[in-house]
N, C-alpha and C. Protein backbone atom coordinates (compact mmCIF):
# COMPACT_ATOMS: atom_id res chain seq x y z
N MET A 1 0.80 -1.23 -0.07
CA MET A 1 -0.05 -0.14 -0.09
C MET A 1 0.92 1.23 -0.04
N SER A 2 0.63 2.18 -1.01
CA SER A 2 1.41 3.22 -0.90
C SER A 2 1.04 4.44 0.15
N LYS A 3 2.05 5.10 0.75
CA LYS A 3 1.87 5.78 1.88
C LYS A 3 2.54 7.19 1.46
N PRO A 4 2.15 8.30 2.13
CA PRO A 4 2.68 9.69 1.68
C PRO A 4 4.16 9.59 2.25
N LYS A 5 5.03 10.52 1.70
CA LYS A 5 6.25 10.73 2.12
C LYS A 5 6.21 11.37 3.59
N ASN A 6 7.16 10.97 4.35
CA ASN A 6 7.22 11.32 5.63
C ASN A 6 6.07 10.71 6.89
N TRP A 7 5.39 9.64 6.31
CA TRP A 7 4.41 8.96 7.07
C TRP A 7 5.24 8.15 7.96
N PRO A 8 4.89 8.10 9.43
CA PRO A 8 5.69 7.29 10.32
C PRO A 8 5.50 5.95 9.93
N ASP A 9 6.60 5.12 9.83
CA ASP A 9 6.58 3.65 9.62
C ASP A 9 5.78 2.87 10.43
N SER A 10 5.79 2.98 11.68
CA SER A 10 5.06 2.43 12.63
C SER A 10 3.55 2.60 12.79
N PHE A 11 3.08 3.60 12.08
CA PHE A 11 1.75 4.04 12.23
C PHE A 11 0.87 3.66 11.12
N PRO A 12 -0.31 3.09 11.27
CA PRO A 12 -1.07 2.45 10.20
C PRO A 12 -1.76 3.74 9.34
N TYR A 13 -1.60 3.64 8.10
CA TYR A 13 -2.08 4.67 7.16
C TYR A 13 -3.44 4.04 6.50
N LEU A 14 -4.52 4.95 6.77
CA LEU A 14 -5.82 4.64 6.24
C LEU A 14 -6.02 5.11 4.86
N LYS A 15 -6.81 4.44 4.04
CA LYS A 15 -7.31 4.82 2.77
C LYS A 15 -8.77 4.93 2.75
N SER A 16 -9.53 4.58 4.03
CA SER A 16 -10.89 4.65 4.06
C SER A 16 -11.12 4.54 5.66
N PRO A 17 -12.38 5.09 5.91
CA PRO A 17 -12.55 5.13 7.57
C PRO A 17 -12.63 3.78 8.06
N LEU A 18 -12.25 3.49 9.30
CA LEU A 18 -11.91 2.37 10.11
C LEU A 18 -13.10 2.24 11.06
N HIS A 19 -14.07 1.49 11.04
CA HIS A 19 -15.15 1.29 11.98
C HIS A 19 -14.89 0.50 13.08
N ALA A 20 -15.10 1.11 14.36
CA ALA A 20 -14.83 0.55 15.65
C ALA A 20 -15.75 -0.25 15.94
N ARG A 21 -15.66 -1.68 16.54
CA ARG A 21 -16.59 -2.43 17.00
C ARG A 21 -17.77 -1.98 17.80
N ASP A 22 -17.42 -0.93 18.64
CA ASP A 22 -18.49 -0.29 19.40
C ASP A 22 -19.73 0.43 18.83
N LEU A 23 -19.76 0.50 17.34
CA LEU A 23 -20.67 1.24 16.64
C LEU A 23 -21.96 0.39 16.63
N THR A 24 -23.12 0.89 17.06
CA THR A 24 -24.51 0.07 16.85
C THR A 24 -24.93 0.20 15.56
N PRO A 25 -25.93 -0.68 15.23
CA PRO A 25 -26.55 -0.69 14.01
C PRO A 25 -27.22 0.68 13.93
N GLU A 26 -27.87 1.33 14.71
CA GLU A 26 -28.24 2.66 14.43
C GLU A 26 -27.26 3.85 14.08
N GLN A 27 -26.18 3.67 14.75
CA GLN A 27 -25.08 4.57 14.45
C GLN A 27 -24.50 4.40 13.04
N LEU A 28 -24.25 3.06 12.59
CA LEU A 28 -23.90 2.77 11.32
C LEU A 28 -25.03 3.26 10.21
N GLN A 29 -26.20 3.14 10.61
CA GLN A 29 -27.34 3.66 9.66
C GLN A 29 -27.05 5.00 9.65
N ALA A 30 -26.78 5.74 10.64
CA ALA A 30 -26.79 7.35 10.53
C ALA A 30 -25.61 7.76 9.66
N LEU A 31 -24.45 7.01 9.87
CA LEU A 31 -23.28 7.19 8.87
C LEU A 31 -23.51 7.03 7.58
N ARG A 32 -24.45 6.04 7.20
CA ARG A 32 -24.65 5.82 5.79
C ARG A 32 -25.84 6.34 5.20
N THR A 33 -26.41 7.41 6.00
CA THR A 33 -27.50 8.17 5.54
C THR A 33 -27.15 9.55 5.09
N PRO A 34 -27.21 9.93 3.96
CA PRO A 34 -26.76 11.28 3.46
C PRO A 34 -27.65 12.42 3.93
N PRO A 35 -26.86 13.16 4.74
CA PRO A 35 -27.48 14.39 5.32
C PRO A 35 -28.07 15.45 4.23
N ALA A 36 -28.99 16.07 4.55
CA ALA A 36 -29.59 16.89 3.49
C ALA A 36 -28.78 18.13 3.27
N SER A 37 -28.34 18.73 4.25
CA SER A 37 -27.63 19.96 4.15
C SER A 37 -25.91 19.97 4.47
N VAL A 38 -25.40 18.90 3.79
CA VAL A 38 -23.87 19.05 4.06
C VAL A 38 -23.31 18.92 2.58
N ALA A 39 -22.22 19.28 2.49
CA ALA A 39 -21.23 19.26 1.01
C ALA A 39 -21.15 17.72 0.78
N VAL A 40 -21.15 17.57 -0.45
CA VAL A 40 -20.87 16.37 -1.11
C VAL A 40 -19.50 16.34 -1.66
N ILE A 41 -18.83 15.24 -1.30
CA ILE A 41 -17.20 15.07 -1.76
C ILE A 41 -17.34 14.13 -2.77
N HIS A 42 -16.99 14.39 -3.91
CA HIS A 42 -17.00 13.30 -5.10
C HIS A 42 -15.83 12.28 -4.83
N ALA A 43 -16.02 11.10 -5.25
CA ALA A 43 -15.02 10.20 -5.11
C ALA A 43 -13.65 10.33 -5.50
N ALA A 44 -13.54 11.26 -6.84
CA ALA A 44 -12.31 11.49 -7.41
C ALA A 44 -11.59 12.50 -6.54
N SER A 45 -12.30 13.18 -5.61
CA SER A 45 -11.61 14.31 -4.75
C SER A 45 -10.96 13.78 -3.36
N THR A 46 -11.26 12.34 -3.32
CA THR A 46 -10.72 11.74 -2.07
C THR A 46 -9.70 10.52 -2.26
N LEU A 47 -8.68 10.80 -3.23
CA LEU A 47 -7.56 9.96 -3.51
C LEU A 47 -6.72 9.85 -2.24
N THR A 48 -6.04 8.72 -2.06
CA THR A 48 -5.07 8.55 -1.21
C THR A 48 -4.00 7.85 -1.62
N PRO A 49 -2.93 8.35 -1.32
CA PRO A 49 -2.46 9.61 -0.74
C PRO A 49 -2.99 10.82 -1.41
N SER A 50 -3.40 12.01 -0.73
CA SER A 50 -3.85 12.93 -1.37
C SER A 50 -2.87 13.75 -2.25
N PRO A 51 -3.20 14.03 -3.44
CA PRO A 51 -2.20 15.10 -4.17
C PRO A 51 -2.15 16.47 -3.70
N ASN A 52 -3.05 16.88 -2.93
CA ASN A 52 -3.21 18.22 -2.47
C ASN A 52 -2.29 18.58 -1.38
N VAL A 53 -1.60 17.62 -0.57
CA VAL A 53 -0.92 18.05 0.55
C VAL A 53 0.26 17.25 0.68
N LYS A 54 1.33 17.72 1.56
CA LYS A 54 2.70 17.16 1.80
C LYS A 54 2.88 17.24 3.37
N ILE A 55 3.19 15.93 3.95
CA ILE A 55 3.64 15.89 5.33
C ILE A 55 5.11 16.43 5.35
N GLN A 56 5.28 17.62 6.23
CA GLN A 56 6.73 18.07 6.27
C GLN A 56 7.03 18.33 7.85
N PRO A 57 8.32 18.18 8.02
CA PRO A 57 8.91 18.57 9.41
C PRO A 57 8.77 20.01 9.64
N ILE A 58 8.42 20.39 10.79
CA ILE A 58 8.37 21.80 11.25
C ILE A 58 9.85 22.08 11.79
N ARG A 59 10.36 22.97 11.00
CA ARG A 59 11.85 23.30 11.34
C ARG A 59 12.05 24.79 12.07
N ASP A 60 10.98 25.69 11.82
CA ASP A 60 11.07 26.89 12.54
C ASP A 60 10.83 26.78 13.97
N ALA A 61 12.01 27.19 14.81
CA ALA A 61 11.97 27.06 16.13
C ALA A 61 11.00 27.97 16.94
N SER A 62 10.35 28.71 16.08
CA SER A 62 9.21 29.64 16.91
C SER A 62 8.03 29.01 16.63
N HIS A 63 7.85 27.97 15.85
CA HIS A 63 6.41 27.22 15.61
C HIS A 63 6.16 26.43 16.96
N PRO A 64 4.98 26.46 17.38
CA PRO A 64 4.45 25.67 18.35
C PRO A 64 4.80 24.15 18.44
N ALA A 65 4.86 23.81 17.15
CA ALA A 65 4.90 22.27 16.72
C ALA A 65 6.32 22.00 16.25
N HIS A 66 7.23 22.77 16.70
CA HIS A 66 8.71 22.70 16.26
C HIS A 66 9.18 21.27 16.60
N GLY A 67 9.80 20.62 15.56
CA GLY A 67 10.40 19.23 15.81
C GLY A 67 9.30 18.21 15.50
N GLN A 68 8.22 18.56 15.11
CA GLN A 68 6.88 17.65 14.76
C GLN A 68 6.72 17.77 13.37
N PHE A 69 5.57 17.53 12.91
CA PHE A 69 5.19 17.53 11.61
C PHE A 69 4.02 18.47 11.28
N GLY A 70 3.82 18.91 10.22
CA GLY A 70 2.73 19.83 9.64
C GLY A 70 2.19 19.37 8.29
N LEU A 71 1.09 19.75 7.88
CA LEU A 71 0.58 19.40 6.66
C LEU A 71 0.74 20.87 5.77
N PHE A 72 1.26 20.50 4.44
CA PHE A 72 1.56 21.67 3.82
C PHE A 72 0.80 21.46 2.21
N ALA A 73 0.64 22.62 1.68
CA ALA A 73 -0.06 22.60 0.47
C ALA A 73 0.91 22.09 -0.74
N ALA A 74 0.40 21.01 -1.43
CA ALA A 74 1.36 20.50 -2.60
C ALA A 74 1.09 21.25 -3.82
N GLN A 75 0.22 22.15 -3.96
CA GLN A 75 -0.12 22.89 -5.00
C GLN A 75 -0.89 24.11 -4.53
N ASP A 76 -1.22 25.05 -5.39
CA ASP A 76 -2.00 26.19 -4.96
C ASP A 76 -3.51 25.69 -4.71
N LEU A 77 -4.04 26.35 -3.67
CA LEU A 77 -5.57 25.70 -3.37
C LEU A 77 -6.20 27.03 -3.15
N ARG A 78 -7.35 27.17 -4.00
CA ARG A 78 -8.34 28.31 -4.20
C ARG A 78 -9.25 28.36 -2.90
N PRO A 79 -9.51 29.62 -2.72
CA PRO A 79 -10.42 29.71 -1.57
C PRO A 79 -11.77 28.87 -1.75
N GLY A 80 -12.17 28.15 -0.55
CA GLY A 80 -13.33 27.37 -0.72
C GLY A 80 -13.22 25.89 -1.08
N ALA A 81 -11.84 25.72 -1.68
CA ALA A 81 -11.58 24.19 -2.15
C ALA A 81 -11.55 23.22 -1.08
N PHE A 82 -11.99 22.07 -1.58
CA PHE A 82 -11.86 20.91 -0.66
C PHE A 82 -10.47 20.53 -0.79
N ILE A 83 -9.76 20.02 0.60
CA ILE A 83 -8.37 19.73 0.60
C ILE A 83 -8.26 18.12 0.77
N LEU A 84 -8.83 17.71 1.79
CA LEU A 84 -8.87 16.15 1.86
C LEU A 84 -9.80 15.72 2.95
N ALA A 85 -10.14 14.41 3.00
CA ALA A 85 -10.92 13.84 4.14
C ALA A 85 -9.99 13.49 5.16
N TYR A 86 -10.67 13.74 6.52
CA TYR A 86 -10.01 13.32 7.67
C TYR A 86 -10.38 11.88 8.03
N LEU A 87 -9.32 11.11 7.99
CA LEU A 87 -9.58 9.69 8.20
C LEU A 87 -9.02 9.15 9.66
N GLY A 88 -9.72 8.22 10.20
CA GLY A 88 -9.45 7.71 11.37
C GLY A 88 -10.34 6.73 11.94
N ARG A 89 -10.17 6.29 13.17
CA ARG A 89 -11.19 5.12 13.73
C ARG A 89 -12.49 5.86 14.06
N VAL A 90 -13.47 5.40 13.32
CA VAL A 90 -14.93 5.97 13.54
C VAL A 90 -15.57 5.12 14.77
N HIS A 91 -15.95 5.92 15.78
CA HIS A 91 -16.24 5.03 17.11
C HIS A 91 -17.50 5.86 17.76
N ALA A 92 -18.12 5.13 18.67
CA ALA A 92 -19.12 5.81 19.59
C ALA A 92 -18.49 7.02 20.31
N GLY A 93 -19.15 8.22 20.11
CA GLY A 93 -18.42 9.30 20.80
C GLY A 93 -18.19 9.21 22.19
N LEU A 94 -19.19 8.72 23.06
CA LEU A 94 -19.31 8.81 24.54
C LEU A 94 -18.40 7.42 24.89
N ALA A 95 -18.23 6.65 24.13
CA ALA A 95 -17.42 5.42 24.36
C ALA A 95 -15.99 5.40 24.25
N SER A 96 -15.51 6.60 23.89
CA SER A 96 -14.16 6.90 23.74
C SER A 96 -13.29 6.57 24.83
N GLU A 97 -12.29 5.70 24.73
CA GLU A 97 -11.52 5.20 25.89
C GLU A 97 -10.62 6.30 26.70
N ALA A 98 -10.11 7.21 25.86
CA ALA A 98 -9.36 8.14 26.48
C ALA A 98 -9.42 9.55 25.58
N GLU A 99 -9.12 10.68 26.17
CA GLU A 99 -9.28 11.97 25.58
C GLU A 99 -8.11 11.81 24.51
N SER A 100 -8.51 12.31 23.40
CA SER A 100 -7.54 12.14 22.06
C SER A 100 -7.50 13.75 21.57
N ASP A 101 -6.26 14.10 21.23
CA ASP A 101 -6.09 15.32 20.51
C ASP A 101 -6.55 15.31 19.02
N TYR A 102 -6.83 13.97 18.66
CA TYR A 102 -7.27 13.94 17.25
C TYR A 102 -8.65 13.41 16.82
N ASP A 103 -9.50 13.60 17.96
CA ASP A 103 -10.82 13.17 17.82
C ASP A 103 -11.74 14.32 17.48
N LEU A 104 -12.69 13.92 16.40
CA LEU A 104 -13.30 15.13 15.92
C LEU A 104 -15.01 14.45 15.79
N TRP A 105 -15.98 15.12 16.19
CA TRP A 105 -17.33 14.75 15.95
C TRP A 105 -17.65 14.56 14.46
N LEU A 106 -18.30 13.46 14.28
CA LEU A 106 -18.99 13.33 12.92
C LEU A 106 -20.52 13.59 13.09
N ASP A 107 -21.07 13.13 14.16
CA ASP A 107 -22.65 13.25 14.26
C ASP A 107 -22.90 13.34 15.65
N ARG A 108 -23.10 14.45 16.27
CA ARG A 108 -23.26 14.31 17.79
C ARG A 108 -24.55 13.76 18.22
N GLU A 109 -25.61 13.94 17.40
CA GLU A 109 -26.78 13.59 17.57
C GLU A 109 -26.79 12.00 17.65
N ALA A 110 -26.11 11.31 16.71
CA ALA A 110 -25.92 9.96 16.66
C ALA A 110 -24.82 9.52 17.62
N ASP A 111 -24.05 10.28 18.11
CA ASP A 111 -22.96 10.04 19.00
C ASP A 111 -21.87 9.22 18.20
N VAL A 112 -21.34 9.73 17.18
CA VAL A 112 -20.41 9.09 16.37
C VAL A 112 -19.22 10.23 16.03
N ALA A 113 -17.91 9.65 16.36
CA ALA A 113 -16.89 10.60 16.06
C ALA A 113 -15.72 9.80 15.40
N VAL A 114 -14.72 10.69 15.02
CA VAL A 114 -13.58 10.09 14.43
C VAL A 114 -12.26 10.28 15.02
N ASP A 115 -11.59 9.35 15.21
CA ASP A 115 -10.15 9.71 15.94
C ASP A 115 -9.02 9.12 15.00
N ALA A 116 -8.05 9.99 14.97
CA ALA A 116 -6.83 9.78 14.25
C ALA A 116 -5.61 9.64 15.13
N ALA A 117 -5.82 9.32 16.35
CA ALA A 117 -4.70 9.16 17.28
C ALA A 117 -3.76 7.98 16.97
N ARG A 118 -4.48 6.90 16.57
CA ARG A 118 -3.66 5.60 16.33
C ARG A 118 -3.50 5.11 15.16
N GLU A 119 -4.44 5.71 14.24
CA GLU A 119 -4.38 5.49 12.77
C GLU A 119 -5.09 6.39 11.96
N GLY A 120 -4.60 6.75 10.81
CA GLY A 120 -5.30 7.94 10.19
C GLY A 120 -4.59 8.28 8.87
N ASN A 121 -4.89 9.34 8.40
CA ASN A 121 -4.28 9.88 7.00
C ASN A 121 -3.56 11.17 7.18
N GLU A 122 -3.43 11.83 6.14
CA GLU A 122 -2.50 13.01 6.38
C GLU A 122 -3.19 14.15 7.05
N GLY A 123 -4.67 14.01 7.18
CA GLY A 123 -5.41 15.12 7.95
C GLY A 123 -4.97 15.13 9.24
N ARG A 124 -4.35 14.19 9.95
CA ARG A 124 -3.94 14.11 11.25
C ARG A 124 -2.78 15.11 11.54
N PHE A 125 -2.20 15.47 10.39
CA PHE A 125 -1.06 16.41 10.76
C PHE A 125 -1.47 17.82 10.52
N VAL A 126 -2.75 18.18 10.41
CA VAL A 126 -3.11 19.69 10.31
C VAL A 126 -2.95 20.31 11.76
N ASN A 127 -2.10 21.41 11.80
CA ASN A 127 -1.85 22.00 13.04
C ASN A 127 -2.84 23.09 13.25
N ASP A 128 -2.85 23.63 14.53
CA ASP A 128 -3.62 24.78 14.78
C ASP A 128 -2.85 26.24 14.52
N TYR A 129 -3.70 27.09 14.16
CA TYR A 129 -3.02 28.46 13.62
C TYR A 129 -2.31 29.28 14.65
N ARG A 130 -2.80 28.91 15.94
CA ARG A 130 -2.31 29.97 17.03
C ARG A 130 -0.77 29.85 17.31
N GLY A 131 -0.05 30.83 17.20
CA GLY A 131 1.28 30.87 17.18
C GLY A 131 2.01 30.68 15.93
N VAL A 132 1.40 30.58 14.74
CA VAL A 132 1.88 30.39 13.53
C VAL A 132 1.43 31.53 12.64
N ARG A 133 0.09 31.75 12.55
CA ARG A 133 -0.45 32.93 11.71
C ARG A 133 -1.56 33.62 12.42
N GLU A 134 -2.07 34.75 11.91
CA GLU A 134 -3.10 35.56 12.49
C GLU A 134 -4.43 34.79 12.65
N ARG A 135 -4.64 34.03 11.60
CA ARG A 135 -5.84 33.27 11.54
C ARG A 135 -5.72 31.94 10.80
N ALA A 136 -6.89 31.13 10.82
CA ALA A 136 -6.77 29.86 10.24
C ALA A 136 -6.84 30.01 8.67
N ASN A 137 -6.26 29.16 7.95
CA ASN A 137 -6.49 29.11 6.40
C ASN A 137 -7.27 28.15 5.87
N ALA A 138 -7.76 27.29 6.87
CA ALA A 138 -8.57 26.08 6.57
C ALA A 138 -9.46 25.79 7.58
N VAL A 139 -10.46 24.86 7.33
CA VAL A 139 -11.58 24.59 8.29
C VAL A 139 -11.94 23.16 8.20
N PHE A 140 -12.36 22.53 9.34
CA PHE A 140 -12.93 21.35 9.27
C PHE A 140 -14.48 21.42 9.14
N GLY A 141 -15.05 20.29 8.49
CA GLY A 141 -16.50 20.48 8.28
C GLY A 141 -17.05 18.97 7.92
N THR A 142 -18.26 18.67 8.18
CA THR A 142 -18.76 17.50 8.03
C THR A 142 -19.39 17.45 6.59
N ALA A 143 -19.20 16.20 5.88
CA ALA A 143 -19.58 16.12 4.47
C ALA A 143 -20.10 14.61 4.25
N TRP A 144 -20.82 14.52 2.97
CA TRP A 144 -20.92 13.25 2.59
C TRP A 144 -19.87 12.84 1.53
N CYS A 145 -19.18 11.66 1.87
CA CYS A 145 -18.07 11.11 1.09
C CYS A 145 -18.74 10.14 0.13
N GLU A 146 -18.82 10.34 -1.13
CA GLU A 146 -19.23 9.41 -2.08
C GLU A 146 -18.39 8.17 -2.08
N ARG A 147 -16.97 8.32 -1.89
CA ARG A 147 -16.18 7.25 -2.11
C ARG A 147 -16.55 6.06 -1.15
N TRP A 148 -17.01 6.54 0.01
CA TRP A 148 -17.02 5.46 1.18
C TRP A 148 -18.46 5.21 1.44
N GLY A 149 -19.47 6.07 0.89
CA GLY A 149 -21.02 6.01 1.14
C GLY A 149 -21.34 6.45 2.58
N GLU A 150 -20.60 7.46 3.14
CA GLU A 150 -20.88 7.74 4.51
C GLU A 150 -20.51 9.08 4.89
N VAL A 151 -20.82 9.41 5.85
CA VAL A 151 -20.52 10.87 6.58
C VAL A 151 -19.20 10.95 6.96
N CYS A 152 -18.36 12.00 6.63
CA CYS A 152 -17.17 11.99 6.98
C CYS A 152 -16.78 13.47 7.39
N VAL A 153 -15.52 13.69 7.82
CA VAL A 153 -15.05 15.04 8.22
C VAL A 153 -14.08 15.39 7.10
N GLY A 154 -14.27 16.60 6.55
CA GLY A 154 -13.23 17.16 5.50
C GLY A 154 -12.58 18.29 5.94
N VAL A 155 -11.55 18.70 5.15
CA VAL A 155 -10.93 20.03 5.33
C VAL A 155 -10.98 20.69 4.13
N TRP A 156 -11.32 21.99 4.31
CA TRP A 156 -11.47 22.97 3.20
C TRP A 156 -10.60 24.24 3.43
N VAL A 157 -10.28 24.86 2.32
CA VAL A 157 -9.65 26.09 2.39
C VAL A 157 -10.70 27.08 2.78
N VAL A 158 -10.21 27.96 3.67
CA VAL A 158 -11.35 28.97 4.21
C VAL A 158 -11.87 29.87 2.87
N GLY A 159 -13.10 30.09 2.79
CA GLY A 159 -13.77 30.82 1.77
C GLY A 159 -14.34 32.11 2.24
N GLY A 160 -14.93 32.82 1.33
CA GLY A 160 -15.59 33.99 1.75
C GLY A 160 -14.63 35.24 1.73
N LYS A 161 -15.13 36.17 2.51
CA LYS A 161 -14.50 37.59 2.54
C LYS A 161 -12.96 37.39 3.17
N SER A 162 -12.93 36.63 4.27
CA SER A 162 -11.60 36.60 4.86
C SER A 162 -10.56 35.42 4.12
N ALA A 163 -11.04 34.96 2.93
CA ALA A 163 -10.29 34.02 2.35
C ALA A 163 -8.96 34.43 1.77
N GLY A 164 -8.90 35.67 1.35
CA GLY A 164 -7.72 35.96 0.72
C GLY A 164 -7.40 35.26 -0.66
N LYS A 165 -6.21 34.87 -0.76
CA LYS A 165 -5.95 34.13 -2.15
C LYS A 165 -5.97 32.76 -1.91
N GLY A 166 -6.43 32.13 -0.81
CA GLY A 166 -6.51 30.67 -0.63
C GLY A 166 -5.10 30.46 -0.06
N ILE A 167 -4.59 28.99 -0.30
CA ILE A 167 -3.45 28.59 0.26
C ILE A 167 -2.53 28.36 -0.89
N ARG A 168 -1.32 28.93 -0.73
CA ARG A 168 -0.41 28.81 -1.88
C ARG A 168 0.60 27.47 -1.71
N LYS A 169 0.96 26.99 -2.82
CA LYS A 169 1.93 25.76 -2.57
C LYS A 169 3.01 26.06 -1.50
N GLY A 170 3.24 25.11 -0.79
CA GLY A 170 4.27 25.21 0.15
C GLY A 170 3.97 25.93 1.43
N GLU A 171 2.77 26.33 1.48
CA GLU A 171 2.26 27.19 2.80
C GLU A 171 1.58 25.97 3.74
N GLU A 172 1.77 26.13 4.93
CA GLU A 172 1.28 25.22 6.05
C GLU A 172 -0.29 25.30 6.12
N ILE A 173 -0.96 24.34 6.15
CA ILE A 173 -2.59 24.22 5.99
C ILE A 173 -2.92 24.15 7.64
N LEU A 174 -3.55 25.47 8.16
CA LEU A 174 -3.64 25.56 9.48
C LEU A 174 -5.22 25.74 9.79
N VAL A 175 -5.82 24.93 10.86
CA VAL A 175 -7.15 25.02 11.28
C VAL A 175 -7.19 25.77 12.57
N SER A 176 -8.43 25.99 13.22
CA SER A 176 -8.66 26.40 14.53
C SER A 176 -9.06 25.16 15.33
N TYR A 177 -8.35 24.76 16.30
CA TYR A 177 -8.61 23.41 17.01
C TYR A 177 -9.89 23.93 18.00
N GLY A 178 -10.13 25.31 18.21
CA GLY A 178 -11.10 25.80 19.06
C GLY A 178 -10.70 26.03 20.53
N LYS A 179 -11.52 27.02 20.97
CA LYS A 179 -11.10 27.43 22.34
C LYS A 179 -11.33 26.22 23.42
N GLY A 180 -12.18 25.40 23.26
CA GLY A 180 -12.29 24.22 24.11
C GLY A 180 -11.19 23.23 24.14
N PHE A 181 -10.56 23.21 23.07
CA PHE A 181 -9.37 22.33 23.00
C PHE A 181 -8.32 22.86 23.88
N TRP A 182 -7.93 24.18 23.65
CA TRP A 182 -6.86 25.03 24.43
C TRP A 182 -7.22 25.07 25.87
N GLY A 183 -8.45 25.38 26.19
CA GLY A 183 -8.90 25.29 27.55
C GLY A 183 -8.64 24.08 28.37
N GLU A 184 -8.77 22.93 27.73
CA GLU A 184 -8.62 21.63 28.15
C GLU A 184 -7.17 21.36 28.36
N ARG A 185 -6.38 21.90 27.40
CA ARG A 185 -4.91 21.73 27.60
C ARG A 185 -4.23 22.52 28.84
N ARG A 186 -4.83 23.60 29.02
CA ARG A 186 -4.49 24.61 30.14
C ARG A 186 -4.70 23.85 31.38
N ARG A 187 -6.03 23.20 31.40
CA ARG A 187 -6.42 22.55 32.79
C ARG A 187 -5.43 21.42 32.98
N GLU A 188 -5.07 20.55 31.95
CA GLU A 188 -4.23 19.36 32.21
C GLU A 188 -2.75 19.75 32.63
N LYS A 189 -2.19 21.02 32.41
CA LYS A 189 -0.92 21.38 32.63
C LYS A 189 -1.11 22.07 34.09
N THR A 190 -2.19 22.61 34.54
CA THR A 190 -2.22 23.06 35.88
C THR A 190 -2.23 21.95 36.99
N PRO A 191 -1.25 22.24 37.89
CA PRO A 191 -1.29 21.17 39.01
C PRO A 191 -2.50 21.26 39.90
C-alpha cells in the first residue's frame, strides 16, 4: 500500500474510514444516510495519498509544533476548495477510551466521532493556527463522502471575505482547534 512521504513507519495509514466494533446498527445507519444539508465530496476528490498535501517536518524554532510535523499545500489551493478527508477510527463518541487530540465529531446526535490518534491519514497532521499565523486558512466540516458512502469530516480552504488568495503551494495548512481544545490543555497542565 502506498503511503505519503514522511508517514511514520509504525503508524497505520488509512485509505478509508475504520469502523470500531462499538458502533451500533443505528450509528452505522446514521453514518450511511446522506444528510440533506452538507457538502458532497465526490470520489475523485478523495484520492489516497492526497495529491493536495505534503507532510513536512516543522523546522521553524518559533513554531509551537517545532520538531514535529505539519501539513503543507502541494499545489495552490483556491478559497473554498476541498483539501482532503480526515480519516481515522470511527467510534461511538461517548464510548471513547481516552481523551485524544485527534478526535472530531462526525454526528453528535448519533454519538459518532472519528479519531486519528492511532491510525489515520494526512489530515491528522493539520496544526492549529495559534502561534503561527493571525488566523486559520482552513476549516473542518462534516460532509458526505461518495467514495465510502458515509458521512465524514473534510478539510477545506477558508472561503468568503476572509479567504484572501487561498493557500499557496508550500504554505502550511492551519485550522482552529477551538477554544475548548486549548482550555482543556491549560487545565491538564495546571497542578
